[in-house]
Amino acid sequence: MLEALALLALSVLLAVKALTGHPHSVAGALLGAALALLCAVVLALCGRGLLALRPAARTPVVVLEVLALPVSYDLSFQAGRVGYGAPILVVALVVLYLLFTPPVRAVIDREM
């Protein structure tokens, strides 16, 4: 849920920067904001599903966290923005670890 709030804040920031700044492409900047908003909504819904102990909610979270790994790598090492990439990397790895620990798997995968 915290990740979803962070992505929501990022989408608002990107939209404001696209409309008030001078991006190379306004449409591209707004598309980035829309994608961040979409990911925020998906993560919020999946977080809600995980809180309700629905096993199907785990898969989209895993996919989004795995997709965050190359993004964090690019930001940290190729773009030289460790301050942006490192938190994404740490959060993605922690969430993936926690989703696959035996106690969490036992609770989520229990028979209904």
C-alpha atoms as a PDB file:
ATOM      1  CA  MET A   1       0.000   0.000   0.000  1.00  0.00           C
ATOM      2  CA  LEU A   2       2.877   2.394   0.718  1.00  0.00           C
ATOM      3  CA  GLU A   3       4.311   1.664  -2.702  1.00  0.00           C
ATOM      4  CA  ALA A   4       0.958   2.536  -4.253  1.00  0.00           C
ATOM      5  CA  LEU A   5       0.911   5.862  -2.398  1.00  0.00           C
ATOM      6  CA  ALA A   6       4.446   6.606  -3.554  1.00  0.00           C
ATOM      7  CA  LEU A   7       3.487   5.832  -7.159  1.00  0.00           C
ATOM      8  CA  LEU A   8       0.403   8.018  -6.835  1.00  0.00           C
ATOM      9  CA  ALA A   9       2.566  10.903  -5.623  1.00  0.00           C
ATOM     10  CA  LEU A  10       4.999  10.245  -8.472  1.00  0.00           C
ATOM     11  CA  SER A  11       2.223  10.296 -11.066  1.00  0.00           C
ATOM     12  CA  VAL A  12       0.970  13.644  -9.758  1.00  0.00           C
ATOM     13  CA  LEU A  13       4.516  15.031  -9.768  1.00  0.00           C
ATOM     14  CA  LEU A  14       5.118  13.811 -13.323  1.00  0.00           C
ATOM     15  CA  ALA A  15       1.834  15.301 -14.533  1.00  0.00           C
ATOM     16  CA  VAL A  16       2.591  18.668 -12.918  1.00  0.00           C
ATOM     17  CA  LYS A  17       6.117  18.696 -14.371  1.00  0.00           C
ATOM     18  CA  ALA A  18       4.748  17.772 -17.801  1.00  0.00           C
ATOM     19  CA  LEU A  19       2.240  20.610 -17.752  1.00  0.00           C
ATOM     20  CA  THR A  20       4.402  23.312 -16.152  1.00  0.00           C
ATOM     21  CA  GLY A  21       7.862  22.369 -17.370  1.00  0.00           C
ATOM     22  CA  HIS A  22       9.408  22.004 -20.787  1.00  0.00           C
ATOM     23  CA  PRO A  23       9.598  18.274 -21.530  1.00  0.00           C
ATOM     24  CA  HIS A  24      10.834  17.023 -24.887  1.00  0.00           C
ATOM     25  CA  SER A  25       7.399  15.516 -25.424  1.00  0.00           C
ATOM     26  CA  VAL A  26       4.367  16.538 -23.397  1.00  0.00           C
ATOM     27  CA  ALA A  27       2.485  13.464 -24.578  1.00  0.00           C
ATOM     28  CA  GLY A  28       5.349  11.197 -23.520  1.00  0.00           C
ATOM     29  CA  ALA A  29       5.577  12.847 -20.114  1.00  0.00           C
ATOM     30  CA  LEU A  30       1.827  12.524 -19.582  1.00  0.00           C
ATOM     31  CA  LEU A  31       1.999   8.878 -20.662  1.00  0.00           C
ATOM     32  CA  GLY A  32       4.644   8.287 -17.999  1.00  0.00           C
ATOM     33  CA  ALA A  33       2.369   9.888 -15.414  1.00  0.00           C
ATOM     34  CA  ALA A  34      -0.562   7.751 -16.582  1.00  0.00           C
ATOM     35  CA  LEU A  35       1.521   4.557 -16.346  1.00  0.00           C
ATOM     36  CA  ALA A  36       2.634   5.452 -12.821  1.00  0.00           C
ATOM     37  CA  LEU A  37      -1.013   6.071 -11.907  1.00  0.00           C
ATOM     38  CA  LEU A  38      -2.063   2.741 -13.433  1.00  0.00           C
ATOM     39  CA  CYS A  39       0.633   0.894 -11.484  1.00  0.00           C
ATOM     40  CA  ALA A  40      -0.446   2.694  -8.300  1.00  0.00           C
ATOM     41  CA  VAL A  41      -4.038   1.557  -8.799  1.00  0.00           C
ATOM     42  CA  VAL A  42      -2.983  -2.033  -9.552  1.00  0.00           C
ATOM     43  CA  LEU A  43      -0.703  -2.151  -6.500  1.00  0.00           C
ATOM     44  CA  ALA A  44      -3.415  -0.685  -4.265  1.00  0.00           C
ATOM     45  CA  LEU A  45      -5.954  -3.252  -5.455  1.00  0.00           C
ATOM     46  CA  CYS A  46      -3.460  -6.078  -5.054  1.00  0.00           C
ATOM     47  CA  GLY A  47      -2.474  -4.826  -1.610  1.00  0.00           C
ATOM     48  CA  ARG A  48      -6.130  -4.874  -0.665  1.00  0.00           C
ATOM     49  CA  GLY A  49      -6.381  -8.412  -2.021  1.00  0.00           C
ATOM     50  CA  LEU A  50      -3.334  -9.514  -0.048  1.00  0.00           C
ATOM     51  CA  LEU A  51      -4.799  -8.012   3.114  1.00  0.00           C
ATOM     52  CA  ALA A  52      -7.925 -10.064   2.421  1.00  0.00           C
ATOM     53  CA  LEU A  53      -5.630 -13.127   1.991  1.00  0.00           C
ATOM     54  CA  ARG A  54      -6.559 -13.753  -1.642  1.00  0.00           C
ATOM     55  CA  PRO A  55      -3.867 -15.899  -3.312  1.00  0.00           C
ATOM     56  CA  ALA A  56      -4.557 -14.433  -6.771  1.00  0.00           C
ATOM     57  CA  ALA A  57      -3.413 -10.993  -5.584  1.00  0.00           C
ATOM     58  CA  ARG A  58       0.165 -12.211  -5.140  1.00  0.00           C
ATOM     59  CA  THR A  59       0.929 -12.772  -8.838  1.00  0.00           C
ATOM     60  CA  PRO A  60       0.472  -9.168 -10.075  1.00  0.00           C
ATOM     61  CA  VAL A  61       2.517  -7.908  -7.124  1.00  0.00           C
ATOM     62  CA  VAL A  62       5.326 -10.310  -7.975  1.00  0.00           C
ATOM     63  CA  VAL A  63       5.233  -9.245 -11.630  1.00  0.00           C
ATOM     64  CA  LEU A  64       5.371  -5.531 -10.760  1.00  0.00           C
ATOM     65  CA  GLU A  65       8.183  -6.054  -8.254  1.00  0.00           C
ATOM     66  CA  VAL A  66      10.203  -8.096 -10.762  1.00  0.00           C
ATOM     67  CA  LEU A  67       9.682  -5.320 -13.325  1.00  0.00           C
ATOM     68  CA  ALA A  68      10.934  -2.811 -10.759  1.00  0.00           C
ATOM     69  CA  LEU A  69      14.298  -4.599 -10.513  1.00  0.00           C
ATOM     70  CA  PRO A  70      15.692  -3.588 -13.941  1.00  0.00           C
ATOM     71  CA  VAL A  71      14.268  -0.085 -13.502  1.00  0.00           C
ATOM     72  CA  SER A  72      16.105   0.305 -10.215  1.00  0.00           C
ATOM     73  CA  TYR A  73      19.283  -1.104 -11.759  1.00  0.00           C
ATOM     74  CA  ASP A  74      19.122   1.360 -14.644  1.00  0.00           C
ATOM     75  CA  LEU A  75      18.481   4.281 -12.320  1.00  0.00           C
ATOM     76  CA  SER A  76      21.204   3.303  -9.883  1.00  0.00           C
ATOM     77  CA  PHE A  77      24.045   2.226 -12.115  1.00  0.00           C
ATOM     78  CA  GLN A  78      23.457   3.391 -15.667  1.00  0.00           C
ATOM     79  CA  ALA A  79      21.829   6.760 -14.975  1.00  0.00           C
ATOM     80  CA  GLY A  80      23.901   7.401 -11.849  1.00  0.00           C
ATOM     81  CA  ARG A  81      20.840   8.200  -9.721  1.00  0.00           C
ATOM     82  CA  VAL A  82      21.459   5.912  -6.771  1.00  0.00           C
ATOM     83  CA  GLY A  83      19.190   8.020  -4.564  1.00  0.00           C
ATOM     84  CA  TYR A  84      16.246   7.101  -6.792  1.00  0.00           C
ATOM     85  CA  GLY A  85      17.180   3.564  -7.774  1.00  0.00           C
ATOM     86  CA  ALA A  86      18.360   2.166  -4.445  1.00  0.00           C
ATOM     87  CA  PRO A  87      15.037   2.615  -2.594  1.00  0.00           C
ATOM     88  CA  ILE A  88      13.162   0.992  -5.473  1.00  0.00           C
ATOM     89  CA  LEU A  89      15.591  -1.931  -5.455  1.00  0.00           C
ATOM     90  CA  VAL A  90      15.416  -2.399  -1.689  1.00  0.00           C
ATOM     91  CA  VAL A  91      11.615  -2.220  -1.559  1.00  0.00           C
ATOM     92  CA  ALA A  92      11.199  -4.623  -4.492  1.00  0.00           C
ATOM     93  CA  LEU A  93      13.577  -7.166  -2.956  1.00  0.00           C
ATOM     94  CA  VAL A  94      11.979  -6.900   0.487  1.00  0.00           C
ATOM     95  CA  VAL A  95       8.453  -7.324  -0.898  1.00  0.00           C
ATOM     96  CA  LEU A  96       9.502 -10.311  -3.007  1.00  0.00           C
ATOM     97  CA  TYR A  97      11.238 -11.891  -0.022  1.00  0.00           C
ATOM     98  CA  LEU A  98       8.270 -11.339   2.263  1.00  0.00           C
ATOM     99  CA  LEU A  99       5.771 -12.723  -0.243  1.00  0.00           C
ATOM    100  CA  PHE A 100       7.678 -15.995  -0.437  1.00  0.00           C
ATOM    101  CA  THR A 101       8.553 -16.600   3.204  1.00  0.00           C
ATOM    102  CA  PRO A 102       6.993 -19.817   4.521  1.00  0.00           C
ATOM    103  CA  PRO A 103       4.657 -18.136   7.054  1.00  0.00           C
ATOM    104  CA  VAL A 104       3.204 -15.756   4.463  1.00  0.00           C
ATOM    105  CA  ARG A 105       2.849 -18.518   1.874  1.00  0.00           C
ATOM    106  CA  ALA A 106       1.104 -20.711   4.434  1.00  0.00           C
ATOM    107  CA  VAL A 107      -1.393 -17.998   5.275  1.00  0.00           C
ATOM    108  CA  ILE A 108      -2.093 -16.903   1.694  1.00  0.00           C
ATOM    109  CA  ASP A 109      -2.172 -20.399   0.188  1.00  0.00           C
ATOM    110  CA  ARG A 110      -4.368 -21.971   2.849  1.00  0.00           C
ATOM    111  CA  GLU A 111      -7.513 -23.699   1.668  1.00  0.00           C
ATOM    112  CA  MET A 112     -10.633 -21.605   1.922  1.00  0.00           C
END
